[in-house]
Every structure is written in structure tokens, then in C-alpha cells.
N, C-alpha and C. Protein backbone atom coordinates (compact mmCIF):
# COMPACT_ATOMS: atom_id res chain seq x y z
N MET A 1 35.10 -1.63 1.17
CA MET A 1 33.73 -1.24 0.93
C MET A 1 33.71 -0.05 -0.03
N ALA A 2 32.81 -0.09 -0.97
CA ALA A 2 32.74 0.96 -1.99
C ALA A 2 32.15 2.23 -1.40
N GLU A 3 32.65 3.34 -1.89
CA GLU A 3 32.13 4.63 -1.43
C GLU A 3 30.87 4.98 -2.19
N LEU A 4 29.96 5.66 -1.52
CA LEU A 4 28.74 6.13 -2.17
C LEU A 4 29.00 7.50 -2.77
N THR A 5 28.73 7.60 -4.05
CA THR A 5 28.88 8.91 -4.70
C THR A 5 27.55 9.64 -4.62
N LEU A 6 27.57 10.88 -5.00
CA LEU A 6 26.34 11.69 -4.97
C LEU A 6 25.29 11.11 -5.90
N ASN A 7 25.71 10.63 -7.07
CA ASN A 7 24.75 10.04 -8.01
C ASN A 7 24.09 8.79 -7.43
N GLN A 8 24.85 7.96 -6.74
CA GLN A 8 24.28 6.77 -6.13
C GLN A 8 23.31 7.12 -5.01
N LEU A 9 23.65 8.12 -4.22
CA LEU A 9 22.74 8.55 -3.14
C LEU A 9 21.42 9.08 -3.71
N ILE A 10 21.51 9.85 -4.79
CA ILE A 10 20.30 10.38 -5.42
C ILE A 10 19.43 9.24 -5.94
N LYS A 11 20.04 8.24 -6.56
CA LYS A 11 19.28 7.10 -7.07
C LYS A 11 18.63 6.32 -5.94
N ILE A 12 19.33 6.15 -4.84
CA ILE A 12 18.76 5.44 -3.68
C ILE A 12 17.58 6.21 -3.11
N ILE A 13 17.71 7.52 -2.97
CA ILE A 13 16.63 8.34 -2.43
C ILE A 13 15.42 8.31 -3.35
N ILE A 14 15.64 8.43 -4.66
CA ILE A 14 14.52 8.38 -5.61
C ILE A 14 13.85 7.01 -5.57
N GLY A 15 14.64 5.94 -5.46
CA GLY A 15 14.07 4.59 -5.36
C GLY A 15 13.20 4.42 -4.14
N ILE A 16 13.67 4.93 -3.01
CA ILE A 16 12.88 4.85 -1.77
C ILE A 16 11.58 5.64 -1.91
N LEU A 17 11.66 6.82 -2.50
CA LEU A 17 10.45 7.63 -2.69
C LEU A 17 9.45 6.93 -3.61
N VAL A 18 9.94 6.28 -4.66
CA VAL A 18 9.05 5.56 -5.57
C VAL A 18 8.35 4.42 -4.84
N VAL A 19 9.08 3.68 -4.03
CA VAL A 19 8.48 2.58 -3.28
C VAL A 19 7.42 3.10 -2.32
N VAL A 20 7.70 4.20 -1.64
CA VAL A 20 6.73 4.77 -0.70
C VAL A 20 5.47 5.22 -1.43
N VAL A 21 5.63 5.87 -2.59
CA VAL A 21 4.46 6.33 -3.35
C VAL A 21 3.63 5.14 -3.84
N VAL A 22 4.26 4.07 -4.28
CA VAL A 22 3.53 2.89 -4.75
C VAL A 22 2.77 2.24 -3.59
N VAL A 23 3.40 2.11 -2.45
CA VAL A 23 2.74 1.50 -1.29
C VAL A 23 1.55 2.36 -0.85
N LEU A 24 1.73 3.67 -0.80
CA LEU A 24 0.61 4.55 -0.42
C LEU A 24 -0.51 4.48 -1.45
N GLY A 25 -0.18 4.41 -2.72
CA GLY A 25 -1.20 4.29 -3.76
C GLY A 25 -2.01 3.01 -3.62
N LEU A 26 -1.33 1.90 -3.37
CA LEU A 26 -2.03 0.64 -3.17
C LEU A 26 -2.90 0.68 -1.92
N TYR A 27 -2.41 1.31 -0.87
CA TYR A 27 -3.20 1.43 0.36
C TYR A 27 -4.49 2.20 0.11
N PHE A 28 -4.38 3.35 -0.56
CA PHE A 28 -5.58 4.15 -0.80
C PHE A 28 -6.52 3.47 -1.78
N PHE A 29 -5.99 2.71 -2.76
CA PHE A 29 -6.85 1.97 -3.68
C PHE A 29 -7.67 0.94 -2.92
N PHE A 30 -7.00 0.14 -2.08
CA PHE A 30 -7.72 -0.89 -1.34
C PHE A 30 -8.65 -0.29 -0.31
N LYS A 31 -8.28 0.83 0.27
CA LYS A 31 -9.11 1.48 1.29
C LYS A 31 -10.42 1.97 0.68
N GLU A 32 -10.34 2.61 -0.48
CA GLU A 32 -11.52 3.23 -1.07
C GLU A 32 -12.39 2.25 -1.85
N TYR A 33 -11.78 1.39 -2.68
CA TYR A 33 -12.56 0.60 -3.62
C TYR A 33 -12.84 -0.81 -3.13
N VAL A 34 -11.84 -1.51 -2.68
CA VAL A 34 -12.04 -2.91 -2.32
C VAL A 34 -12.84 -3.04 -1.03
N ILE A 35 -12.49 -2.29 0.00
CA ILE A 35 -13.22 -2.37 1.26
C ILE A 35 -14.64 -1.84 1.09
N GLY A 36 -14.83 -0.81 0.28
CA GLY A 36 -16.18 -0.30 0.00
C GLY A 36 -17.05 -1.34 -0.69
N TYR A 37 -16.44 -2.16 -1.53
CA TYR A 37 -17.19 -3.23 -2.20
C TYR A 37 -17.66 -4.27 -1.19
N PHE A 38 -16.80 -4.67 -0.27
CA PHE A 38 -17.16 -5.70 0.70
C PHE A 38 -18.15 -5.21 1.74
N GLN A 39 -18.25 -3.92 1.98
CA GLN A 39 -19.16 -3.41 3.00
C GLN A 39 -20.62 -3.54 2.58
N ASP A 40 -20.90 -3.60 1.28
CA ASP A 40 -22.27 -3.66 0.81
C ASP A 40 -22.79 -5.08 0.61
N LEU A 41 -22.00 -6.08 0.90
CA LEU A 41 -22.42 -7.47 0.72
C LEU A 41 -23.29 -7.92 1.88
N PRO A 42 -24.26 -8.82 1.60
CA PRO A 42 -25.04 -9.39 2.71
C PRO A 42 -24.21 -10.38 3.50
N GLY A 43 -24.63 -10.67 4.71
CA GLY A 43 -23.89 -11.61 5.57
C GLY A 43 -22.83 -10.88 6.35
N GLU A 44 -23.22 -10.18 7.36
CA GLU A 44 -22.32 -9.31 8.11
C GLU A 44 -21.18 -10.07 8.78
N GLY A 45 -21.38 -11.31 9.18
CA GLY A 45 -20.33 -12.07 9.84
C GLY A 45 -19.15 -12.31 8.93
N ALA A 46 -19.41 -12.72 7.70
CA ALA A 46 -18.33 -12.98 6.74
C ALA A 46 -17.66 -11.67 6.33
N THR A 47 -18.45 -10.63 6.18
CA THR A 47 -17.90 -9.34 5.77
C THR A 47 -16.97 -8.80 6.84
N ASP A 48 -17.35 -8.93 8.10
CA ASP A 48 -16.49 -8.46 9.20
C ASP A 48 -15.19 -9.25 9.23
N LEU A 49 -15.26 -10.53 8.93
CA LEU A 49 -14.05 -11.35 8.91
C LEU A 49 -13.11 -10.90 7.80
N VAL A 50 -13.64 -10.69 6.60
CA VAL A 50 -12.81 -10.26 5.47
C VAL A 50 -12.23 -8.88 5.74
N LEU A 51 -13.03 -7.96 6.23
CA LEU A 51 -12.53 -6.61 6.52
C LEU A 51 -11.49 -6.63 7.61
N GLY A 52 -11.65 -7.48 8.59
CA GLY A 52 -10.65 -7.60 9.65
C GLY A 52 -9.32 -8.12 9.12
N LEU A 53 -9.37 -9.02 8.15
CA LEU A 53 -8.13 -9.53 7.57
C LEU A 53 -7.46 -8.50 6.68
N ILE A 54 -8.24 -7.69 5.96
CA ILE A 54 -7.66 -6.69 5.07
C ILE A 54 -7.07 -5.53 5.86
N LYS A 55 -7.75 -5.11 6.91
CA LYS A 55 -7.26 -3.97 7.70
C LYS A 55 -6.12 -4.44 8.52
């Protein structure tokens, strides 16, 4: 099994941080903009269904 060098560990940590930041960014985008758009639509039954699937 190959040994992990310091450079490889740094790259792995930076990669994990980038993935976490992207996932959090997508979460906040959908939370603020997409769900806000669906809340103003008529037909509360369908809107509740869509919001339940997104959340």
C-alpha cells in the first residue's frame, strides 16, 4: 500500500473542503430561491407535495 505524503494529505483535505462548500452553496441556493418560488404558486396541495420532495 502506498504511503500518504504531506502533499497528498493537503490535496485530499482541500478536495473535501471544496466538495463541502459546493454542497452547502447548492443547499442555500435551493433553500432561498427555488423553494421561495414554489411557495407563491396557487394550488396548495401540489405545492406542499413539491416542497416535501425537495426538503
